[in-house]
Amino acid sequence: MAGLTTAFTDERLPNGLRLVIAEDHVAPVVAVNIWYAVGSKHEVPGKTGFAHLFEHVMFQGSGHVAKTEHFALIQAAGGTMNGTTWLDRTNYFETVPSHQLELVLWLEADRMGTLLDALSQENLDNQREVVKNEKRWSYDNRPYGSWNHRLLAGVYPPEHPYHHPTIGSMEDLDAASLEDVSAFFRTHYAPNNAVLSIVGDVDPVQARAWVERYFGGIPANPMLPVDIGDLSLPPAIGREVRETVVENVPLPRIYWGFRAPVFGDHRLDALDLAGQILAGGKGSRLHRRLVRDERIAQDVSLFSLGLVGGASVTAGWATARPGVDLGDLEAAYWEELQRLADEPPTDDELARAKALTEADELGSLQRVEERADRLSMYATLFDDPGVINEMLPRYLAVTKEQIRDACRAVFREDNRYVLTYLPSEASAGDPDAGSGEAAA
């Protein structure tokens, strides 16, 4: 990476696999990152959770790799690896010493091309139980664990594919047959639905030869891309939505969710900077007022989740200090959002927000694994890995007035979802709390 610019090559194999390579010889390591353009938004009603299920299944062996051997081989090579699933995509990634690049490419190609050779009913049943345990551990039994699922359901209408969580319905997973999940894999896990990024201490000619050798024979799926319909949405929810949940949480907490412009829209850039002004560290407006001065909040947050399917989400929370009236906490948080929607930030606040954002961007892009992920992301979502070199200049070009206007458009009463968590002992005095049902 020279200065602020990541130089890369971008090409497609005859089978449609997109290959992006960026050299960086600072350290003898290489990051491999593959994005498949399949996430929970590509699932159909009655068959949710399949994309996330395959995040687990992909590590259970393939045609020439035994169960758990993918992990073992990468760890023995001195590398790290993982995979994640989100609404718009699924990704898998490894970072290894550069002389182990061929091993990683062979492993990724083997599971892209031959995973179904190793997918048995036993493996499916086993990973179904793993997902159920993950849901219990990460969502059901974790304080505030359901907030993101509830927020997405509150911001997006039931017919929109962002409405359901990536982990899916356990009933759908229980009902899924081996043929159901195999058909999902055959549809989406094809080379012409993937971007493979390689970043680090790499010889591009040799890397390209290995990619052609191991991936080149995997056939494309001529039925791609899958039409998932029109995902466009009105810019606002259209009404205020409220939900109260009573469960075993240590302190009351209020979450806010707002429908926001899609990822790639310059207004979302402005909202990212607004998040720094309002909740970016101890010098932010919400922290100074709610945490430091009035001492009514334990912590505060505000951020945007950029999505391409019709609308993004801007979300935040405030955890109440013991004994604080939640009405006062909600009013103070909302006043700060409205203040930024009414008046632009000061010059100093804008400079601080840009400095924090620049530090975050430059710090992230120092890591080869982050650059590999960004290249795959921008190629998948925008058909242009070069966006990696555009984001920081875009942030630095945002004006005070653009921040105010973006906040004014998003922080509206008819565009807010408000989720309140109360400790379980509070339910005795609130007959409506704990219903888990949204109310206008």
Protein backbone atom coordinates (compact mmCIF):
# COMPACT_ATOMS: atom_id res chain seq x y z
CA MET A 1 0.00 0.00 0.00
CA ALA A 2 1.57 3.25 -1.12
CA GLY A 3 0.32 6.24 0.87
CA LEU A 4 -3.45 6.10 0.95
CA THR A 5 -3.75 3.94 -2.14
CA THR A 6 -4.08 0.18 -2.44
CA ALA A 7 -2.81 -0.97 -5.84
CA PHE A 8 -4.41 -4.17 -7.12
CA THR A 9 -5.17 -6.25 -10.17
CA ASP A 10 -8.73 -7.31 -10.97
CA GLU A 11 -9.72 -10.06 -13.40
CA ARG A 12 -12.16 -12.91 -13.95
CA LEU A 13 -11.51 -16.54 -14.71
CA PRO A 14 -13.51 -18.09 -17.57
CA ASN A 15 -15.84 -19.68 -14.98
CA GLY A 16 -16.68 -16.25 -13.55
CA LEU A 17 -14.53 -16.28 -10.41
CA ARG A 18 -13.34 -12.74 -9.72
CA LEU A 19 -9.72 -12.55 -8.62
CA VAL A 20 -8.27 -9.45 -6.92
CA ILE A 21 -4.59 -9.39 -5.95
CA ALA A 22 -2.72 -6.68 -4.01
CA GLU A 23 1.00 -6.97 -3.27
CA ASP A 24 2.45 -5.90 0.08
CA HIS A 25 5.92 -7.20 0.93
CA VAL A 26 6.28 -5.46 4.30
CA ALA A 27 5.85 -8.77 6.17
CA PRO A 28 6.04 -12.39 4.96
CA VAL A 29 2.31 -13.04 5.34
CA VAL A 30 -0.61 -13.25 2.97
CA ALA A 31 -4.36 -12.91 3.51
CA VAL A 32 -6.90 -14.83 1.45
CA ASN A 33 -10.51 -13.68 1.57
CA ILE A 34 -13.41 -15.07 -0.42
CA TRP A 35 -16.83 -13.45 -0.48
CA TYR A 36 -19.85 -15.34 -1.75
CA ALA A 37 -22.77 -13.14 -2.78
CA VAL A 38 -25.16 -15.07 -0.58
CA GLY A 39 -26.48 -13.99 2.78
CA SER A 40 -29.69 -14.30 4.71
CA LYS A 41 -31.42 -11.97 2.24
CA HIS A 42 -31.16 -14.73 -0.38
CA GLU A 43 -33.17 -17.16 1.74
CA VAL A 44 -36.84 -17.81 1.11
CA PRO A 45 -39.62 -18.08 3.71
CA GLY A 46 -39.58 -21.48 5.35
CA LYS A 47 -35.91 -22.01 4.54
CA THR A 48 -34.12 -19.42 6.65
CA GLY A 49 -30.75 -19.86 8.32
CA PHE A 50 -29.21 -21.78 5.41
CA ALA A 51 -26.45 -19.23 4.68
CA HIS A 52 -25.34 -19.25 8.31
CA LEU A 53 -25.62 -23.04 8.48
CA PHE A 54 -23.13 -23.32 5.63
CA GLU A 55 -20.71 -21.08 7.48
CA HIS A 56 -20.40 -24.08 9.82
CA VAL A 57 -20.74 -26.86 7.26
CA MET A 58 -17.90 -25.41 5.17
CA PHE A 59 -15.46 -26.47 7.90
CA GLN A 60 -16.74 -30.06 8.11
CA GLY A 61 -14.76 -31.48 5.24
CA SER A 62 -14.95 -31.64 1.47
CA GLY A 63 -14.10 -34.12 -1.27
CA HIS A 64 -10.40 -34.34 -0.43
CA VAL A 65 -10.30 -32.82 3.06
CA ALA A 66 -11.41 -34.72 6.14
CA LYS A 67 -13.72 -33.33 8.79
CA THR A 68 -11.93 -30.61 10.85
CA GLU A 69 -8.82 -31.02 8.67
CA HIS A 70 -9.22 -27.54 7.18
CA PHE A 71 -8.71 -26.06 10.64
CA ALA A 72 -5.87 -28.44 11.44
CA LEU A 73 -3.93 -27.74 8.25
CA ILE A 74 -4.18 -23.96 8.59
CA GLN A 75 -3.18 -24.04 12.25
CA ALA A 76 -0.26 -26.36 11.52
CA ALA A 77 0.86 -23.90 8.85
CA GLY A 78 0.96 -21.11 11.46
CA GLY A 79 -2.17 -19.41 10.18
CA THR A 80 -5.56 -18.22 11.35
CA MET A 81 -8.96 -18.61 9.73
CA ASN A 82 -12.67 -18.02 10.17
CA GLY A 83 -15.91 -17.28 8.38
CA THR A 84 -18.87 -14.96 8.90
CA THR A 85 -22.40 -14.63 7.60
CA TRP A 86 -24.37 -11.42 7.19
CA LEU A 87 -27.47 -10.19 5.43
CA ASP A 88 -25.78 -9.52 2.07
CA ARG A 89 -22.94 -12.06 1.97
CA THR A 90 -20.93 -14.90 3.46
CA ASN A 91 -17.14 -14.77 3.68
CA TYR A 92 -14.27 -17.08 4.55
CA PHE A 93 -10.73 -15.92 5.24
CA GLU A 94 -7.27 -17.08 6.20
CA THR A 95 -4.00 -15.36 7.04
CA VAL A 96 -0.88 -17.51 6.71
CA PRO A 97 2.87 -17.24 6.16
CA SER A 98 3.28 -16.35 2.51
CA HIS A 99 4.87 -19.68 1.57
CA GLN A 100 1.61 -21.40 2.57
CA LEU A 101 -0.57 -19.57 0.04
CA GLU A 102 -0.93 -22.57 -2.25
CA LEU A 103 -2.32 -24.66 0.62
CA VAL A 104 -5.01 -22.09 1.36
CA LEU A 105 -6.06 -21.80 -2.28
CA TRP A 106 -6.31 -25.57 -2.60
CA LEU A 107 -8.43 -25.81 0.55
CA GLU A 108 -10.81 -23.04 -0.54
CA ALA A 109 -11.15 -24.52 -4.03
CA ASP A 110 -11.79 -27.99 -2.66
CA ARG A 111 -14.71 -26.90 -0.56
CA MET A 112 -16.13 -24.71 -3.31
CA GLY A 113 -15.98 -27.56 -5.79
CA THR A 114 -16.53 -30.71 -3.73
CA LEU A 115 -18.21 -29.80 -0.43
CA LEU A 116 -21.32 -31.81 -1.26
CA ASP A 117 -19.19 -34.94 -1.67
CA ALA A 118 -18.65 -34.84 2.09
CA LEU A 119 -22.03 -33.49 3.23
CA SER A 120 -23.88 -36.31 4.96
CA GLN A 121 -27.02 -36.47 7.04
CA GLU A 122 -24.82 -36.95 10.09
CA ASN A 123 -22.85 -33.78 9.34
CA LEU A 124 -26.04 -31.83 8.71
CA ASP A 125 -27.62 -33.00 11.96
CA ASN A 126 -24.44 -32.24 13.89
CA GLN A 127 -24.12 -28.69 12.55
CA ARG A 128 -27.81 -28.04 13.10
CA GLU A 129 -27.20 -28.69 16.79
CA VAL A 130 -24.11 -26.47 16.73
CA VAL A 131 -26.23 -23.61 15.36
CA LYS A 132 -28.89 -24.19 18.03
CA ASN A 133 -26.22 -24.05 20.73
CA GLU A 134 -24.84 -20.87 19.19
CA LYS A 135 -28.29 -19.30 19.30
CA ARG A 136 -28.73 -20.25 22.95
CA TRP A 137 -25.24 -19.03 23.87
CA SER A 138 -25.02 -15.85 21.80
CA TYR A 139 -28.63 -14.65 21.74
CA ASP A 140 -31.08 -16.40 24.07
CA ASN A 141 -28.94 -16.51 27.22
CA ARG A 142 -26.82 -13.39 26.72
CA PRO A 143 -28.00 -10.11 28.27
CA TYR A 144 -29.55 -7.92 25.56
CA GLY A 145 -28.67 -10.72 23.11
CA SER A 146 -31.78 -10.36 20.97
CA TRP A 147 -31.41 -6.63 20.33
CA ASN A 148 -30.11 -6.82 16.76
CA HIS A 149 -32.73 -9.36 15.70
CA ARG A 150 -35.51 -7.25 17.19
CA LEU A 151 -34.11 -4.05 15.71
CA LEU A 152 -33.94 -5.45 12.17
CA ALA A 153 -37.49 -6.75 12.52
CA GLY A 154 -38.60 -3.31 13.69
CA VAL A 155 -36.88 -1.33 10.95
CA TYR A 156 -37.71 -3.62 8.02
CA PRO A 157 -41.22 -4.85 7.12
CA PRO A 158 -42.02 -8.59 7.36
CA GLU A 159 -41.90 -9.08 3.60
CA HIS A 160 -38.36 -7.68 3.34
CA PRO A 161 -35.50 -10.24 3.57
CA TYR A 162 -33.62 -8.13 6.15
CA HIS A 163 -36.53 -8.66 8.53
CA HIS A 164 -35.35 -12.12 9.61
CA PRO A 165 -32.03 -12.70 11.41
CA THR A 166 -29.04 -14.37 9.80
CA ILE A 167 -29.14 -17.25 12.26
CA GLY A 168 -32.59 -18.05 10.91
CA SER A 169 -35.50 -19.95 12.37
CA MET A 170 -34.73 -23.10 14.33
CA GLU A 171 -38.00 -24.54 13.06
CA ASP A 172 -36.83 -23.98 9.48
CA LEU A 173 -33.50 -25.65 10.21
CA ASP A 174 -35.23 -28.62 11.85
CA ALA A 175 -37.42 -29.04 8.78
CA ALA A 176 -34.55 -28.75 6.29
CA SER A 177 -33.68 -31.91 4.41
CA LEU A 178 -30.28 -32.86 3.09
CA GLU A 179 -31.54 -32.12 -0.42
CA ASP A 180 -32.83 -28.68 0.67
CA VAL A 181 -29.45 -27.55 1.93
CA SER A 182 -27.59 -29.22 -0.95
CA ALA A 183 -29.74 -27.31 -3.44
CA PHE A 184 -28.93 -24.06 -1.62
CA PHE A 185 -25.22 -24.79 -1.92
CA ARG A 186 -25.41 -25.74 -5.59
CA THR A 187 -27.22 -22.49 -6.33
CA HIS A 188 -25.04 -20.00 -4.50
CA TYR A 189 -21.56 -21.42 -3.87
CA ALA A 190 -20.31 -21.20 -7.43
CA PRO A 191 -17.25 -19.41 -8.83
CA ASN A 192 -19.36 -16.87 -10.69
CA ASN A 193 -20.90 -15.86 -7.36
CA ALA A 194 -17.58 -15.31 -5.57
CA VAL A 195 -14.77 -12.80 -5.23
CA LEU A 196 -11.35 -14.11 -4.18
CA SER A 197 -8.94 -11.49 -2.84
CA ILE A 198 -5.28 -12.17 -2.09
CA VAL A 199 -3.29 -9.47 -0.27
CA GLY A 200 0.24 -9.53 1.08
CA ASP A 201 3.65 -10.97 0.30
CA VAL A 202 2.59 -12.60 -2.93
CA ASP A 203 3.94 -13.14 -6.43
CA PRO A 204 0.90 -12.25 -8.57
CA VAL A 205 1.95 -14.45 -11.48
CA GLN A 206 2.38 -17.50 -9.27
CA ALA A 207 -0.81 -16.75 -7.32
CA ARG A 208 -2.79 -16.42 -10.54
CA ALA A 209 -1.42 -19.75 -11.78
CA TRP A 210 -2.46 -21.50 -8.56
CA VAL A 211 -5.93 -19.97 -8.69
CA GLU A 212 -6.38 -21.11 -12.28
CA ARG A 213 -5.09 -24.58 -11.38
CA TYR A 214 -7.34 -25.15 -8.38
CA PHE A 215 -10.45 -23.08 -9.16
CA GLY A 216 -10.43 -23.08 -12.95
CA GLY A 217 -12.14 -26.45 -13.34
CA ILE A 218 -15.09 -25.64 -11.06
CA PRO A 219 -18.13 -25.05 -13.26
CA ALA A 220 -20.12 -21.84 -13.12
CA ASN A 221 -23.81 -21.82 -12.28
CA PRO A 222 -25.56 -20.43 -15.38
CA MET A 223 -28.68 -19.63 -13.32
CA LEU A 224 -26.90 -16.90 -11.36
CA PRO A 225 -27.56 -14.25 -10.27
CA VAL A 226 -30.70 -15.29 -8.40
CA ASP A 227 -33.51 -12.74 -8.64
CA ILE A 228 -34.61 -11.84 -5.12
CA GLY A 229 -37.03 -9.15 -6.23
CA ASP A 230 -37.25 -5.43 -5.61
CA LEU A 231 -35.82 -4.58 -2.19
CA SER A 232 -36.47 -0.84 -2.39
CA LEU A 233 -38.11 0.75 0.64
CA PRO A 234 -39.56 4.11 1.63
CA PRO A 235 -36.90 6.28 3.29
CA ALA A 236 -38.70 6.16 6.65
CA ILE A 237 -40.46 3.45 8.64
CA GLY A 238 -43.60 5.58 8.54
CA ARG A 239 -44.40 5.45 12.24
CA GLU A 240 -42.79 5.08 15.61
CA VAL A 241 -42.43 1.46 16.73
CA ARG A 242 -41.89 0.59 20.39
CA GLU A 243 -41.11 -2.69 22.11
CA THR A 244 -40.36 -3.53 25.73
CA VAL A 245 -38.58 -6.72 26.81
CA VAL A 246 -38.28 -7.88 30.40
CA GLU A 247 -35.54 -10.43 30.94
CA ASN A 248 -32.43 -11.17 32.95
CA VAL A 249 -30.36 -8.06 32.18
CA PRO A 250 -28.18 -6.23 34.71
CA LEU A 251 -29.44 -2.70 33.94
CA PRO A 252 -32.19 -1.09 31.89
CA ARG A 253 -31.09 -0.21 28.37
CA ILE A 254 -32.77 1.64 25.51
CA TYR A 255 -31.97 0.90 21.86
CA TRP A 256 -32.89 3.09 18.92
CA GLY A 257 -33.08 2.01 15.30
CA PHE A 258 -33.61 4.19 12.23
CA ARG A 259 -34.00 3.39 8.55
CA ALA A 260 -31.08 5.06 6.73
CA PRO A 261 -29.79 5.46 3.14
CA VAL A 262 -28.19 2.46 1.46
CA PHE A 263 -24.50 1.68 1.71
CA GLY A 264 -22.70 3.72 -0.93
CA ASP A 265 -24.98 6.75 -0.53
CA HIS A 266 -23.01 9.84 0.51
CA ARG A 267 -25.65 10.57 3.16
CA LEU A 268 -24.58 7.40 4.96
CA ASP A 269 -21.02 8.76 5.00
CA ALA A 270 -22.40 11.82 6.78
CA LEU A 271 -24.22 9.60 9.28
CA ASP A 272 -20.98 7.74 10.01
CA LEU A 273 -19.41 11.07 10.95
CA ALA A 274 -22.50 11.95 12.97
CA GLY A 275 -21.90 8.76 14.93
CA GLN A 276 -18.43 10.02 15.84
CA ILE A 277 -19.77 13.44 16.87
CA LEU A 278 -22.54 11.96 18.99
CA ALA A 279 -20.93 8.84 20.45
CA GLY A 280 -17.32 8.56 19.29
CA GLY A 281 -15.42 8.34 22.55
CA LYS A 282 -15.35 10.43 25.69
CA GLY A 283 -15.33 13.74 23.84
CA SER A 284 -18.61 13.02 22.05
CA ARG A 285 -21.86 14.85 22.78
CA LEU A 286 -23.78 11.89 24.19
CA HIS A 287 -20.91 10.74 26.40
CA ARG A 288 -20.24 14.21 27.75
CA ARG A 289 -23.86 14.90 28.59
CA LEU A 290 -25.34 11.52 29.56
CA VAL A 291 -22.32 9.74 31.03
CA ARG A 292 -20.04 12.48 32.37
CA ASP A 293 -22.20 15.50 33.22
CA GLU A 294 -25.70 14.27 34.04
CA ARG A 295 -24.51 10.76 35.02
CA ILE A 296 -27.71 9.12 33.84
CA ALA A 297 -26.07 6.62 31.46
CA GLN A 298 -23.50 3.91 32.03
CA ASP A 299 -22.53 3.89 28.35
CA VAL A 300 -23.79 5.19 25.01
CA SER A 301 -23.41 4.24 21.37
CA LEU A 302 -24.49 5.31 17.88
CA PHE A 303 -23.39 3.80 14.56
CA SER A 304 -24.61 2.84 11.10
CA LEU A 305 -24.74 -0.60 9.49
CA GLY A 306 -24.30 -0.13 5.75
CA LEU A 307 -26.51 -2.41 3.66
CA VAL A 308 -27.31 -2.42 -0.05
CA GLY A 309 -30.80 -3.93 -0.07
CA GLY A 310 -33.11 -0.92 0.01
CA ALA A 311 -32.02 0.75 3.26
CA SER A 312 -29.30 0.69 5.89
CA VAL A 313 -29.73 0.96 9.65
CA THR A 314 -28.51 3.63 12.04
CA ALA A 315 -28.67 2.30 15.59
CA GLY A 316 -27.63 3.24 19.08
CA TRP A 317 -28.17 2.55 22.74
CA ALA A 318 -27.86 3.99 26.21
CA THR A 319 -27.52 1.87 29.34
CA ALA A 320 -29.15 3.48 32.36
CA ARG A 321 -27.35 3.96 35.65
CA PRO A 322 -29.13 2.36 38.62
CA GLY A 323 -32.16 4.34 39.74
CA VAL A 324 -32.34 6.57 36.67
CA ASP A 325 -35.76 7.37 35.23
CA LEU A 326 -35.82 5.88 31.72
CA GLY A 327 -37.99 8.72 30.49
CA ASP A 328 -35.25 11.19 31.38
CA LEU A 329 -32.61 9.03 29.68
CA GLU A 330 -34.63 8.66 26.50
CA ALA A 331 -35.45 12.36 26.39
CA ALA A 332 -31.82 13.42 26.82
CA TYR A 333 -30.57 11.01 24.13
CA TRP A 334 -33.26 12.17 21.70
CA GLU A 335 -32.52 15.83 22.42
CA GLU A 336 -28.91 15.34 21.35
CA LEU A 337 -29.95 13.65 18.11
CA GLN A 338 -32.38 16.47 17.40
CA ARG A 339 -29.80 19.12 18.22
CA LEU A 340 -27.53 17.76 15.49
CA ALA A 341 -30.51 17.57 13.13
CA ASP A 342 -31.30 21.23 13.79
CA GLU A 343 -27.82 22.78 13.77
CA PRO A 344 -24.59 21.69 12.05
CA PRO A 345 -21.69 20.57 14.24
CA THR A 346 -18.97 23.03 15.12
CA ASP A 347 -15.75 23.24 13.14
CA ASP A 348 -13.90 21.54 15.99
CA GLU A 349 -16.44 18.71 16.17
CA LEU A 350 -16.20 18.12 12.43
CA ALA A 351 -12.40 18.09 12.57
CA ARG A 352 -12.45 15.65 15.49
CA ALA A 353 -14.92 13.32 13.75
CA LYS A 354 -12.82 13.29 10.59
CA ALA A 355 -9.63 12.68 12.56
CA LEU A 356 -11.19 9.71 14.37
CA THR A 357 -12.52 8.31 11.10
CA GLU A 358 -9.19 8.77 9.35
CA ALA A 359 -7.37 7.02 12.19
CA ASP A 360 -9.85 4.13 12.06
CA GLU A 361 -9.54 3.80 8.29
CA LEU A 362 -5.76 3.99 8.15
CA GLY A 363 -5.37 1.68 11.13
CA SER A 364 -7.64 -0.92 9.56
CA LEU A 365 -5.99 -0.75 6.17
CA GLN A 366 -2.56 -1.41 7.66
CA ARG A 367 -3.66 -5.03 8.09
CA VAL A 368 -3.51 -7.29 5.04
CA GLU A 369 -6.58 -9.21 6.18
CA GLU A 370 -8.64 -6.02 6.37
CA ARG A 371 -7.56 -4.93 2.90
CA ALA A 372 -8.43 -8.35 1.50
CA ASP A 373 -11.87 -8.16 3.10
CA ARG A 374 -12.48 -4.62 1.82
CA LEU A 375 -11.48 -5.55 -1.74
CA SER A 376 -13.85 -8.52 -1.70
CA MET A 377 -16.61 -6.42 -0.16
CA TYR A 378 -16.46 -3.57 -2.64
CA ALA A 379 -16.18 -5.94 -5.60
CA THR A 380 -19.20 -7.91 -4.36
CA LEU A 381 -21.46 -5.04 -3.35
CA PHE A 382 -20.45 -2.34 -5.85
CA ASP A 383 -18.73 -4.31 -8.62
CA ASP A 384 -15.68 -2.13 -7.98
CA PRO A 385 -12.84 -3.07 -5.62
CA GLY A 386 -11.41 0.40 -6.27
CA VAL A 387 -13.89 1.83 -3.77
CA ILE A 388 -11.24 0.88 -1.20
CA ASN A 389 -9.33 3.99 -2.32
CA GLU A 390 -12.39 6.25 -2.35
CA MET A 391 -13.91 5.89 1.11
CA LEU A 392 -11.47 8.00 3.13
CA PRO A 393 -11.56 10.93 0.66
CA ARG A 394 -15.35 10.73 0.75
CA TYR A 395 -15.40 10.99 4.54
CA LEU A 396 -12.95 13.88 4.51
CA ALA A 397 -15.12 15.75 1.98
CA VAL A 398 -18.30 15.65 4.10
CA THR A 399 -19.50 19.10 5.20
CA LYS A 400 -21.15 20.23 8.41
CA GLU A 401 -24.35 20.97 6.52
CA GLN A 402 -24.43 17.48 5.03
CA ILE A 403 -24.21 15.99 8.51
CA ARG A 404 -27.09 18.15 9.72
CA ASP A 405 -29.21 17.32 6.67
CA ALA A 406 -28.58 13.58 6.97
CA CYS A 407 -29.52 13.64 10.66
CA ARG A 408 -32.64 15.67 9.90
CA ALA A 409 -33.74 13.11 7.30
CA VAL A 410 -33.13 10.08 9.53
CA PHE A 411 -33.67 11.10 13.16
CA ARG A 412 -37.44 11.51 12.90
CA GLU A 413 -40.20 10.31 15.19
CA ASP A 414 -41.90 8.51 12.29
CA ASN A 415 -38.65 6.69 11.53
CA ARG A 416 -37.63 5.37 14.91
CA TYR A 417 -37.80 1.96 16.52
CA VAL A 418 -37.36 2.12 20.29
CA LEU A 419 -36.51 -1.06 22.19
CA THR A 420 -36.37 -1.00 25.98
CA TYR A 421 -34.87 -3.79 28.08
CA LEU A 422 -35.90 -3.97 31.72
CA PRO A 423 -34.47 -6.27 34.41
CA SER A 424 -36.89 -9.09 35.12
CA GLU A 425 -37.75 -7.88 38.61
CA ALA A 426 -39.28 -4.73 37.05
CA SER A 427 -42.09 -6.74 35.46
CA ALA A 428 -44.18 -6.74 38.61
CA GLY A 429 -45.15 -3.11 38.15
CA ASP A 430 -45.51 -3.10 34.39
CA PRO A 431 -48.25 -5.37 33.01
CA ASP A 432 -47.37 -4.48 29.41
CA ALA A 433 -43.63 -5.12 29.72
CA GLY A 434 -42.21 -8.38 28.50
CA SER A 435 -44.84 -9.00 25.86
CA GLY A 436 -42.15 -8.84 23.20
CA GLU A 437 -44.67 -7.30 20.83
CA ALA A 438 -44.03 -4.09 18.97
CA ALA A 439 -46.55 -1.33 19.51
CA ALA A 440 -46.92 1.88 17.57
